[in-house]
Amino acid sequence: LGSPRLGELALRAAIRLEPNNHLSWYNLGLVMESLESESETAANCFATAQAMEACSPILPFSTIPLAFE
């Protein structure tokens, strides 16, 4: 919407709710990268996103049917 600071606030709120969501971290990195004075913060967000993605499941656990009944 053309307001990177508003995007930053929304993404930080999303990360507070779900801190292991790598997509939120990645998108926050993109927003911070668009703010030229925040390149170090953007790099940290991208690194966090990469670390989170490496340990996140391919599918949410809720979609896996119960095999042990």
Protein backbone atom coordinates (compact mmCIF):
# COMPACT_ATOMS: atom_id res chain seq x y z
CA LEU A 1 0.00 0.00 0.00
CA GLY A 2 3.02 2.26 -0.21
CA SER A 3 3.57 2.54 3.53
CA PRO A 4 6.54 0.44 4.60
CA ARG A 5 6.29 1.50 8.24
CA LEU A 6 2.69 0.26 8.41
CA GLY A 7 3.82 -3.01 6.86
CA GLU A 8 6.60 -3.24 9.42
CA LEU A 9 4.11 -2.79 12.27
CA ALA A 10 1.75 -5.43 10.86
CA LEU A 11 4.55 -7.95 10.31
CA ARG A 12 6.02 -7.39 13.75
CA ALA A 13 2.56 -8.03 15.22
CA ALA A 14 2.30 -11.24 13.16
CA ILE A 15 5.72 -12.35 14.41
CA ARG A 16 4.69 -11.71 18.02
CA LEU A 17 1.71 -14.03 17.45
CA GLU A 18 3.66 -16.71 15.57
CA PRO A 19 7.42 -16.23 16.00
CA ASN A 20 8.34 -19.38 14.03
CA ASN A 21 6.63 -18.31 10.79
CA HIS A 22 9.46 -17.97 8.28
CA LEU A 23 7.26 -16.15 5.74
CA SER A 24 6.58 -13.31 8.17
CA TRP A 25 10.29 -12.97 8.87
CA TYR A 26 11.08 -12.99 5.15
CA ASN A 27 8.45 -10.36 4.38
CA LEU A 28 9.68 -8.21 7.26
CA GLY A 29 13.15 -8.44 5.72
CA LEU A 30 11.75 -7.22 2.40
CA VAL A 31 10.05 -4.29 4.10
CA MET A 32 13.16 -3.39 6.06
CA GLU A 33 15.24 -3.65 2.88
CA SER A 34 12.95 -1.10 1.22
CA LEU A 35 13.87 1.30 4.02
CA GLU A 36 17.43 2.09 3.00
CA SER A 37 18.62 2.87 6.53
CA GLU A 38 17.57 -0.56 7.81
CA SER A 39 19.82 -2.88 5.78
CA GLU A 40 21.37 -4.57 8.83
CA THR A 41 17.93 -5.27 10.30
CA ALA A 42 16.82 -6.66 6.93
CA ALA A 43 19.81 -9.01 6.85
CA ASN A 44 18.96 -10.24 10.35
CA CYS A 45 15.34 -10.86 9.33
CA PHE A 46 16.44 -12.82 6.25
CA ALA A 47 18.82 -14.92 8.36
CA THR A 48 16.06 -15.64 10.87
CA ALA A 49 13.68 -16.58 8.05
CA GLN A 50 16.22 -18.98 6.61
CA ALA A 51 16.81 -20.60 10.00
CA MET A 52 13.06 -20.95 10.60
CA GLU A 53 12.43 -22.40 7.15
CA ALA A 54 15.05 -25.08 7.65
CA CYS A 55 13.19 -26.54 10.63
CA SER A 56 9.58 -25.95 9.56
CA PRO A 57 7.49 -28.82 8.20
CA ILE A 58 6.55 -28.96 4.52
CA LEU A 59 2.87 -29.35 5.47
CA PRO A 60 1.21 -28.17 8.66
CA PHE A 61 0.85 -30.94 11.20
CA SER A 62 -2.93 -30.41 11.23
CA THR A 63 -3.16 -31.72 7.65
CA ILE A 64 -1.55 -35.06 8.46
CA PRO A 65 -4.25 -37.66 9.19
CA LEU A 66 -4.08 -39.48 12.47
CA ALA A 67 -2.44 -42.83 11.84
CA PHE A 68 -2.40 -44.07 15.40
CA GLU A 69 -5.91 -44.55 16.66
